[in-house]
Amino acid sequence: MDKSSFFADMQARVQQAIASSPAKDIEKNVKAMLNQGFSKLDLVTREEFDIQAQVLAKTRTKLDLLEARVVALEAQLKQATA
């Protein structure tokens, strides 16, 4: 038996033992308490964070383009008045 199958077998046995023990109930209760605690905090999901990061990246790109355009227009204005 190689190491990976040994560890997979051990993991399966541990999960089976936990599923049929009071530890499973404890795990459910801890998860419920954590979810309740997190819901009271002002947190965002990973999906919401990723969406906002994409919006920010697009906005940054547009801002960079507009800044370059302003510099070009200022240069044209300077040449026209000179």
PDB file of N, CA and C in Angstrom:
ATOM      1  N   MET A   1       0.857  -1.183   0.000  1.00  0.00           N
ATOM      2  CA  MET A   1       0.000   0.000   0.000  1.00  0.00           C
ATOM      3  C   MET A   1       0.894   1.235   0.000  1.00  0.00           C
ATOM      4  N   ASP A   2       0.680   2.133  -0.960  1.00  0.00           N
ATOM      5  CA  ASP A   2       1.490   3.347  -1.018  1.00  0.00           C
ATOM      6  C   ASP A   2       0.959   4.392  -0.032  1.00  0.00           C
ATOM      7  N   LYS A   3       1.740   5.454   0.147  1.00  0.00           N
ATOM      8  CA  LYS A   3       1.414   6.476   1.151  1.00  0.00           C
ATOM      9  C   LYS A   3       0.084   7.157   0.867  1.00  0.00           C
ATOM     10  N   SER A   4      -0.156   7.527  -0.398  1.00  0.00           N
ATOM     11  CA  SER A   4      -1.376   8.273  -0.706  1.00  0.00           C
ATOM     12  C   SER A   4      -2.625   7.440  -0.439  1.00  0.00           C
ATOM     13  N   SER A   5      -2.599   6.156  -0.795  1.00  0.00           N
ATOM     14  CA  SER A   5      -3.777   5.326  -0.530  1.00  0.00           C
ATOM     15  C   SER A   5      -3.909   5.047   0.963  1.00  0.00           C
ATOM     16  N   PHE A   6      -2.796   4.961   1.673  1.00  0.00           N
ATOM     17  CA  PHE A   6      -2.839   4.785   3.124  1.00  0.00           C
ATOM     18  C   PHE A   6      -3.516   5.983   3.778  1.00  0.00           C
ATOM     19  N   PHE A   7      -3.083   7.202   3.385  1.00  0.00           N
ATOM     20  CA  PHE A   7      -3.664   8.401   3.976  1.00  0.00           C
ATOM     21  C   PHE A   7      -5.128   8.575   3.563  1.00  0.00           C
ATOM     22  N   ALA A   8      -5.455   8.218   2.341  1.00  0.00           N
ATOM     23  CA  ALA A   8      -6.849   8.309   1.888  1.00  0.00           C
ATOM     24  C   ALA A   8      -7.718   7.356   2.691  1.00  0.00           C
ATOM     25  N   ASP A   9      -7.204   6.155   2.927  1.00  0.00           N
ATOM     26  CA  ASP A   9      -7.932   5.171   3.721  1.00  0.00           C
ATOM     27  C   ASP A   9      -8.109   5.657   5.162  1.00  0.00           C
ATOM     28  N   MET A  10      -7.048   6.210   5.734  1.00  0.00           N
ATOM     29  CA  MET A  10      -7.118   6.732   7.105  1.00  0.00           C
ATOM     30  C   MET A  10      -8.118   7.877   7.187  1.00  0.00           C
ATOM     31  N   GLN A  11      -8.094   8.765   6.207  1.00  0.00           N
ATOM     32  CA  GLN A  11      -9.013   9.899   6.185  1.00  0.00           C
ATOM     33  C   GLN A  11     -10.457   9.406   6.114  1.00  0.00           C
ATOM     34  N   ALA A  12     -10.713   8.432   5.279  1.00  0.00           N
ATOM     35  CA  ALA A  12     -12.060   7.881   5.155  1.00  0.00           C
ATOM     36  C   ALA A  12     -12.511   7.262   6.468  1.00  0.00           C
ATOM     37  N   ARG A  13     -11.618   6.553   7.134  1.00  0.00           N
ATOM     38  CA  ARG A  13     -11.969   5.919   8.418  1.00  0.00           C
ATOM     39  C   ARG A  13     -12.232   6.975   9.489  1.00  0.00           C
ATOM     40  N   VAL A  14     -11.420   8.015   9.522  1.00  0.00           N
ATOM     41  CA  VAL A  14     -11.612   9.076  10.513  1.00  0.00           C
ATOM     42  C   VAL A  14     -12.931   9.790  10.251  1.00  0.00           C
ATOM     43  N   GLN A  15     -13.217  10.096   8.999  1.00  0.00           N
ATOM     44  CA  GLN A  15     -14.483  10.752   8.668  1.00  0.00           C
ATOM     45  C   GLN A  15     -15.676   9.880   9.036  1.00  0.00           C
ATOM     46  N   GLN A  16     -15.542   8.593   8.811  1.00  0.00           N
ATOM     47  CA  GLN A  16     -16.622   7.673   9.166  1.00  0.00           C
ATOM     48  C   GLN A  16     -16.803   7.636  10.680  1.00  0.00           C
ATOM     49  N   ALA A  17     -15.705   7.622  11.413  1.00  0.00           N
ATOM     50  CA  ALA A  17     -15.788   7.606  12.872  1.00  0.00           C
ATOM     51  C   ALA A  17     -16.406   8.900  13.394  1.00  0.00           C
ATOM     52  N   ILE A  18     -16.028  10.019  12.805  1.00  0.00           N
ATOM     53  CA  ILE A  18     -16.571  11.310  13.236  1.00  0.00           C
ATOM     54  C   ILE A  18     -18.054  11.401  12.902  1.00  0.00           C
ATOM     55  N   ALA A  19     -18.436  10.894  11.738  1.00  0.00           N
ATOM     56  CA  ALA A  19     -19.837  10.967  11.313  1.00  0.00           C
ATOM     57  C   ALA A  19     -20.750  10.199  12.263  1.00  0.00           C
ATOM     58  N   SER A  20     -20.237   9.142  12.856  1.00  0.00           N
ATOM     59  CA  SER A  20     -21.068   8.339  13.753  1.00  0.00           C
ATOM     60  C   SER A  20     -20.805   8.645  15.222  1.00  0.00           C
ATOM     61  N   SER A  21     -20.182   9.778  15.511  1.00  0.00           N
ATOM     62  CA  SER A  21     -19.877  10.136  16.897  1.00  0.00           C
ATOM     63  C   SER A  21     -20.500  11.477  17.251  1.00  0.00           C
ATOM     64  N   PRO A  22     -20.490  11.811  18.537  1.00  0.00           N
ATOM     65  CA  PRO A  22     -21.000  13.127  18.948  1.00  0.00           C
ATOM     66  C   PRO A  22     -20.182  14.281  18.366  1.00  0.00           C
ATOM     67  N   ALA A  23     -18.995  14.012  17.872  1.00  0.00           N
ATOM     68  CA  ALA A  23     -18.158  15.066  17.298  1.00  0.00           C
ATOM     69  C   ALA A  23     -18.844  15.712  16.099  1.00  0.00           C
ATOM     70  N   LYS A  24     -19.643  14.956  15.372  1.00  0.00           N
ATOM     71  CA  LYS A  24     -20.359  15.505  14.214  1.00  0.00           C
ATOM     72  C   LYS A  24     -21.361  16.563  14.670  1.00  0.00           C
ATOM     73  N   ASP A  25     -22.050  16.281  15.765  1.00  0.00           N
ATOM     74  CA  ASP A  25     -22.994  17.264  16.312  1.00  0.00           C
ATOM     75  C   ASP A  25     -22.255  18.508  16.786  1.00  0.00           C
ATOM     76  N   ILE A  26     -21.112  18.304  17.399  1.00  0.00           N
ATOM     77  CA  ILE A  26     -20.308  19.436  17.861  1.00  0.00           C
ATOM     78  C   ILE A  26     -19.879  20.278  16.667  1.00  0.00           C
ATOM     79  N   GLU A  27     -19.448  19.610  15.602  1.00  0.00           N
ATOM     80  CA  GLU A  27     -19.031  20.324  14.390  1.00  0.00           C
ATOM     81  C   GLU A  27     -20.187  21.149  13.829  1.00  0.00           C
ATOM     82  N   LYS A  28     -21.388  20.563  13.771  1.00  0.00           N
ATOM     83  CA  LYS A  28     -22.557  21.291  13.269  1.00  0.00           C
ATOM     84  C   LYS A  28     -22.862  22.498  14.145  1.00  0.00           C
ATOM     85  N   ASN A  29     -22.779  22.304  15.460  1.00  0.00           N
ATOM     86  CA  ASN A  29     -23.065  23.406  16.374  1.00  0.00           C
ATOM     87  C   ASN A  29     -22.034  24.526  16.254  1.00  0.00           C
ATOM     88  N   VAL A  30     -20.773  24.169  16.117  1.00  0.00           N
ATOM     89  CA  VAL A  30     -19.716  25.170  15.973  1.00  0.00           C
ATOM     90  C   VAL A  30     -19.903  25.935  14.663  1.00  0.00           C
ATOM     91  N   LYS A  31     -20.216  25.216  13.589  1.00  0.00           N
ATOM     92  CA  LYS A  31     -20.456  25.889  12.304  1.00  0.00           C
ATOM     93  C   LYS A  31     -21.631  26.847  12.400  1.00  0.00           C
ATOM     94  N   ALA A  32     -22.694  26.427  13.071  1.00  0.00           N
ATOM     95  CA  ALA A  32     -23.865  27.289  13.223  1.00  0.00           C
ATOM     96  C   ALA A  32     -23.510  28.535  14.030  1.00  0.00           C
ATOM     97  N   MET A  33     -22.736  28.363  15.105  1.00  0.00           N
ATOM     98  CA  MET A  33     -22.327  29.511  15.917  1.00  0.00           C
ATOM     99  C   MET A  33     -21.441  30.455  15.123  1.00  0.00           C
ATOM    100  N   LEU A  34     -20.513  29.901  14.355  1.00  0.00           N
ATOM    101  CA  LEU A  34     -19.633  30.739  13.541  1.00  0.00           C
ATOM    102  C   LEU A  34     -20.433  31.490  12.483  1.00  0.00           C
ATOM    103  N   ASN A  35     -21.347  30.799  11.819  1.00  0.00           N
ATOM    104  CA  ASN A  35     -22.175  31.469  10.805  1.00  0.00           C
ATOM    105  C   ASN A  35     -22.990  32.596  11.421  1.00  0.00           C
ATOM    106  N   GLN A  36     -23.531  32.359  12.607  1.00  0.00           N
ATOM    107  CA  GLN A  36     -24.305  33.385  13.293  1.00  0.00           C
ATOM    108  C   GLN A  36     -23.407  34.570  13.656  1.00  0.00           C
ATOM    109  N   GLY A  37     -22.206  34.280  14.149  1.00  0.00           N
ATOM    110  CA  GLY A  37     -21.261  35.341  14.496  1.00  0.00           C
ATOM    111  C   GLY A  37     -20.815  36.134  13.278  1.00  0.00           C
ATOM    112  N   PHE A  38     -20.535  35.435  12.183  1.00  0.00           N
ATOM    113  CA  PHE A  38     -20.095  36.111  10.963  1.00  0.00           C
ATOM    114  C   PHE A  38     -21.221  36.949  10.366  1.00  0.00           C
ATOM    115  N   SER A  39     -22.459  36.491  10.516  1.00  0.00           N
ATOM    116  CA  SER A  39     -23.571  37.249   9.952  1.00  0.00           C
ATOM    117  C   SER A  39     -23.739  38.590  10.664  1.00  0.00           C
ATOM    118  N   LYS A  40     -23.295  38.689  11.911  1.00  0.00           N
ATOM    119  CA  LYS A  40     -23.378  39.951  12.652  1.00  0.00           C
ATOM    120  C   LYS A  40     -22.295  40.929  12.225  1.00  0.00           C
ATOM    121  N   LEU A  41     -21.227  40.421  11.639  1.00  0.00           N
ATOM    122  CA  LEU A  41     -20.145  41.276  11.165  1.00  0.00           C
ATOM    123  C   LEU A  41     -20.480  41.820   9.786  1.00  0.00           C
ATOM    124  N   ASP A  42     -19.853  42.898   9.430  1.00  0.00           N
ATOM    125  CA  ASP A  42     -20.092  43.511   8.127  1.00  0.00           C
ATOM    126  C   ASP A  42     -19.076  42.946   7.132  1.00  0.00           C
ATOM    127  N   LEU A  43     -19.297  41.701   6.715  1.00  0.00           N
ATOM    128  CA  LEU A  43     -18.374  41.004   5.824  1.00  0.00           C
ATOM    129  C   LEU A  43     -19.004  40.835   4.444  1.00  0.00           C
ATOM    130  N   VAL A  44     -18.160  40.670   3.445  1.00  0.00           N
ATOM    131  CA  VAL A  44     -18.638  40.375   2.093  1.00  0.00           C
ATOM    132  C   VAL A  44     -18.171  38.982   1.711  1.00  0.00           C
ATOM    133  N   THR A  45     -18.893  38.397   0.788  1.00  0.00           N
ATOM    134  CA  THR A  45     -18.502  37.071   0.311  1.00  0.00           C
ATOM    135  C   THR A  45     -17.317  37.211  -0.645  1.00  0.00           C
ATOM    136  N   ARG A  46     -16.664  36.131  -0.900  1.00  0.00           N
ATOM    137  CA  ARG A  46     -15.540  36.130  -1.838  1.00  0.00           C
ATOM    138  C   ARG A  46     -16.024  36.551  -3.220  1.00  0.00           C
ATOM    139  N   GLU A  47     -17.225  36.089  -3.591  1.00  0.00           N
ATOM    140  CA  GLU A  47     -17.778  36.436  -4.908  1.00  0.00           C
ATOM    141  C   GLU A  47     -17.999  37.942  -5.013  1.00  0.00           C
ATOM    142  N   GLU A  48     -18.566  38.542  -3.965  1.00  0.00           N
ATOM    143  CA  GLU A  48     -18.790  39.986  -3.975  1.00  0.00           C
ATOM    144  C   GLU A  48     -17.465  40.737  -4.051  1.00  0.00           C
ATOM    145  N   PHE A  49     -16.474  40.248  -3.317  1.00  0.00           N
ATOM    146  CA  PHE A  49     -15.153  40.872  -3.330  1.00  0.00           C
ATOM    147  C   PHE A  49     -14.541  40.805  -4.729  1.00  0.00           C
ATOM    148  N   ASP A  50     -14.628  39.633  -5.359  1.00  0.00           N
ATOM    149  CA  ASP A  50     -14.059  39.466  -6.698  1.00  0.00           C
ATOM    150  C   ASP A  50     -14.748  40.375  -7.713  1.00  0.00           C
ATOM    151  N   ILE A  51     -16.063  40.515  -7.597  1.00  0.00           N
ATOM    152  CA  ILE A  51     -16.797  41.393  -8.513  1.00  0.00           C
ATOM    153  C   ILE A  51     -16.335  42.832  -8.338  1.00  0.00           C
ATOM    154  N   GLN A  52     -16.217  43.276  -7.095  1.00  0.00           N
ATOM    155  CA  GLN A  52     -15.770  44.645  -6.836  1.00  0.00           C
ATOM    156  C   GLN A  52     -14.333  44.860  -7.308  1.00  0.00           C
ATOM    157  N   ALA A  53     -13.497  43.841  -7.174  1.00  0.00           N
ATOM    158  CA  ALA A  53     -12.114  43.946  -7.656  1.00  0.00           C
ATOM    159  C   ALA A  53     -12.101  44.121  -9.176  1.00  0.00           C
ATOM    160  N   GLN A  54     -12.988  43.408  -9.882  1.00  0.00           N
ATOM    161  CA  GLN A  54     -13.077  43.552 -11.338  1.00  0.00           C
ATOM    162  C   GLN A  54     -13.567  44.942 -11.716  1.00  0.00           C
ATOM    163  N   VAL A  55     -14.574  45.440 -11.003  1.00  0.00           N
ATOM    164  CA  VAL A  55     -15.084  46.781 -11.270  1.00  0.00           C
ATOM    165  C   VAL A  55     -13.976  47.806 -11.050  1.00  0.00           C
ATOM    166  N   LEU A  56     -13.232  47.641  -9.976  1.00  0.00           N
ATOM    167  CA  LEU A  56     -12.139  48.563  -9.677  1.00  0.00           C
ATOM    168  C   LEU A  56     -11.057  48.510 -10.756  1.00  0.00           C
ATOM    169  N   ALA A  57     -10.733  47.322 -11.241  1.00  0.00           N
ATOM    170  CA  ALA A  57      -9.719  47.198 -12.294  1.00  0.00           C
ATOM    171  C   ALA A  57     -10.185  47.897 -13.579  1.00  0.00           C
ATOM    172  N   LYS A  58     -11.452  47.723 -13.939  1.00  0.00           N
ATOM    173  CA  LYS A  58     -11.981  48.395 -15.134  1.00  0.00           C
ATOM    174  C   LYS A  58     -11.954  49.909 -14.955  1.00  0.00           C
ATOM    175  N   THR A  59     -12.332  50.353 -13.771  1.00  0.00           N
ATOM    176  CA  THR A  59     -12.334  51.791 -13.488  1.00  0.00           C
ATOM    177  C   THR A  59     -10.923  52.343 -13.548  1.00  0.00           C
ATOM    178  N   ARG A  60      -9.959  51.597 -13.040  1.00  0.00           N
ATOM    179  CA  ARG A  60      -8.562  52.033 -13.061  1.00  0.00           C
ATOM    180  C   ARG A  60      -8.070  52.154 -14.497  1.00  0.00           C
ATOM    181  N   THR A  61      -8.443  51.212 -15.342  1.00  0.00           N
ATOM    182  CA  THR A  61      -8.052  51.256 -16.750  1.00  0.00           C
ATOM    183  C   THR A  61      -8.637  52.487 -17.427  1.00  0.00           C
ATOM    184  N   LYS A  62      -9.925  52.753 -17.182  1.00  0.00           N
ATOM    185  CA  LYS A  62     -10.565  53.928 -17.774  1.00  0.00           C
ATOM    186  C   LYS A  62      -9.907  55.211 -17.276  1.00  0.00           C
ATOM    187  N   LEU A  63      -9.587  55.254 -15.987  1.00  0.00           N
ATOM    188  CA  LEU A  63      -8.936  56.436 -15.425  1.00  0.00           C
ATOM    189  C   LEU A  63      -7.568  56.662 -16.066  1.00  0.00           C
ATOM    190  N   ASP A  64      -6.811  55.601 -16.249  1.00  0.00           N
ATOM    191  CA  ASP A  64      -5.500  55.737 -16.894  1.00  0.00           C
ATOM    192  C   ASP A  64      -5.639  56.275 -18.313  1.00  0.00           C
ATOM    193  N   LEU A  65      -6.629  55.774 -19.046  1.00  0.00           N
ATOM    194  CA  LEU A  65      -6.855  56.255 -20.413  1.00  0.00           C
ATOM    195  C   LEU A  65      -7.256  57.726 -20.422  1.00  0.00           C
ATOM    196  N   LEU A  66      -8.130  58.105 -19.490  1.00  0.00           N
ATOM    197  CA  LEU A  66      -8.550  59.504 -19.415  1.00  0.00           C
ATOM    198  C   LEU A  66      -7.397  60.418 -19.019  1.00  0.00           C
ATOM    199  N   GLU A  67      -6.551  59.969 -18.111  1.00  0.00           N
ATOM    200  CA  GLU A  67      -5.392  60.775 -17.731  1.00  0.00           C
ATOM    201  C   GLU A  67      -4.461  60.987 -18.918  1.00  0.00           C
ATOM    202  N   ALA A  68      -4.242  59.946 -19.694  1.00  0.00           N
ATOM    203  CA  ALA A  68      -3.392  60.068 -20.882  1.00  0.00           C
ATOM    204  C   ALA A  68      -4.031  61.020 -21.896  1.00  0.00           C
ATOM    205  N   ARG A  69      -5.341  60.948 -22.027  1.00  0.00           N
ATOM    206  CA  ARG A  69      -6.043  61.838 -22.955  1.00  0.00           C
ATOM    207  C   ARG A  69      -5.934  63.299 -22.513  1.00  0.00           C
ATOM    208  N   VAL A  70      -6.056  63.549 -21.207  1.00  0.00           N
ATOM    209  CA  VAL A  70      -5.927  64.913 -20.688  1.00  0.00           C
ATOM    210  C   VAL A  70      -4.523  65.440 -20.950  1.00  0.00           C
ATOM    211  N   VAL A  71      -3.517  64.610 -20.732  1.00  0.00           N
ATOM    212  CA  VAL A  71      -2.140  65.037 -20.982  1.00  0.00           C
ATOM    213  C   VAL A  71      -1.963  65.382 -22.455  1.00  0.00           C
ATOM    214  N   ALA A  72      -2.516  64.562 -23.331  1.00  0.00           N
ATOM    215  CA  ALA A  72      -2.403  64.829 -24.773  1.00  0.00           C
ATOM    216  C   ALA A  72      -3.126  66.117 -25.149  1.00  0.00           C
ATOM    217  N   LEU A  73      -4.303  66.325 -24.607  1.00  0.00           N
ATOM    218  CA  LEU A  73      -5.052  67.549 -24.904  1.00  0.00           C
ATOM    219  C   LEU A  73      -4.340  68.783 -24.356  1.00  0.00           C
ATOM    220  N   GLU A  74      -3.757  68.666 -23.179  1.00  0.00           N
ATOM    221  CA  GLU A  74      -3.008  69.792 -22.619  1.00  0.00           C
ATOM    222  C   GLU A  74      -1.797  70.119 -23.491  1.00  0.00           C
ATOM    223  N   ALA A  75      -1.151  69.079 -24.018  1.00  0.00           N
ATOM    224  CA  ALA A  75       0.003  69.295 -24.901  1.00  0.00           C
ATOM    225  C   ALA A  75      -0.446  70.004 -26.188  1.00  0.00           C
ATOM    226  N   GLN A  76      -1.581  69.589 -26.739  1.00  0.00           N
ATOM    227  CA  GLN A  76      -2.105  70.223 -27.944  1.00  0.00           C
ATOM    228  C   GLN A  76      -2.457  71.686 -27.664  1.00  0.00           C
ATOM    229  N   LEU A  77      -3.049  71.959 -26.549  1.00  0.00           N
ATOM    230  CA  LEU A  77      -3.425  73.311 -26.169  1.00  0.00           C
ATOM    231  C   LEU A  77      -2.179  74.172 -25.999  1.00  0.00           C
ATOM    232  N   LYS A  78      -1.178  73.591 -25.404  1.00  0.00           N
ATOM    233  CA  LYS A  78       0.077  74.325 -25.183  1.00  0.00           C
ATOM    234  C   LYS A  78       0.726  74.669 -26.528  1.00  0.00           C
ATOM    235  N   GLN A  79       0.702  73.713 -27.478  1.00  0.00           N
ATOM    236  CA  GLN A  79       1.293  73.965 -28.803  1.00  0.00           C
ATOM    237  C   GLN A  79       0.465  75.007 -29.555  1.00  0.00           C
ATOM    238  N   ALA A  80      -0.830  74.984 -29.393  1.00  0.00           N
ATOM    239  CA  ALA A  80      -1.688  75.922 -30.128  1.00  0.00           C
ATOM    240  C   ALA A  80      -1.517  77.343 -29.625  1.00  0.00           C
ATOM    241  N   THR A  81      -1.246  77.516 -28.332  1.00  0.00           N
ATOM    242  CA  THR A  81      -1.075  78.856 -27.758  1.00  0.00           C
ATOM    243  C   THR A  81       0.360  79.340 -27.879  1.00  0.00           C
ATOM    244  N   ALA A  82       1.257  78.457 -28.197  1.00  0.00           N
ATOM    245  CA  ALA A  82       2.662  78.869 -28.273  1.00  0.00           C
ATOM    246  C   ALA A  82       3.031  79.448 -29.611  1.00  0.00           C
TER     247      ALA A  82
END
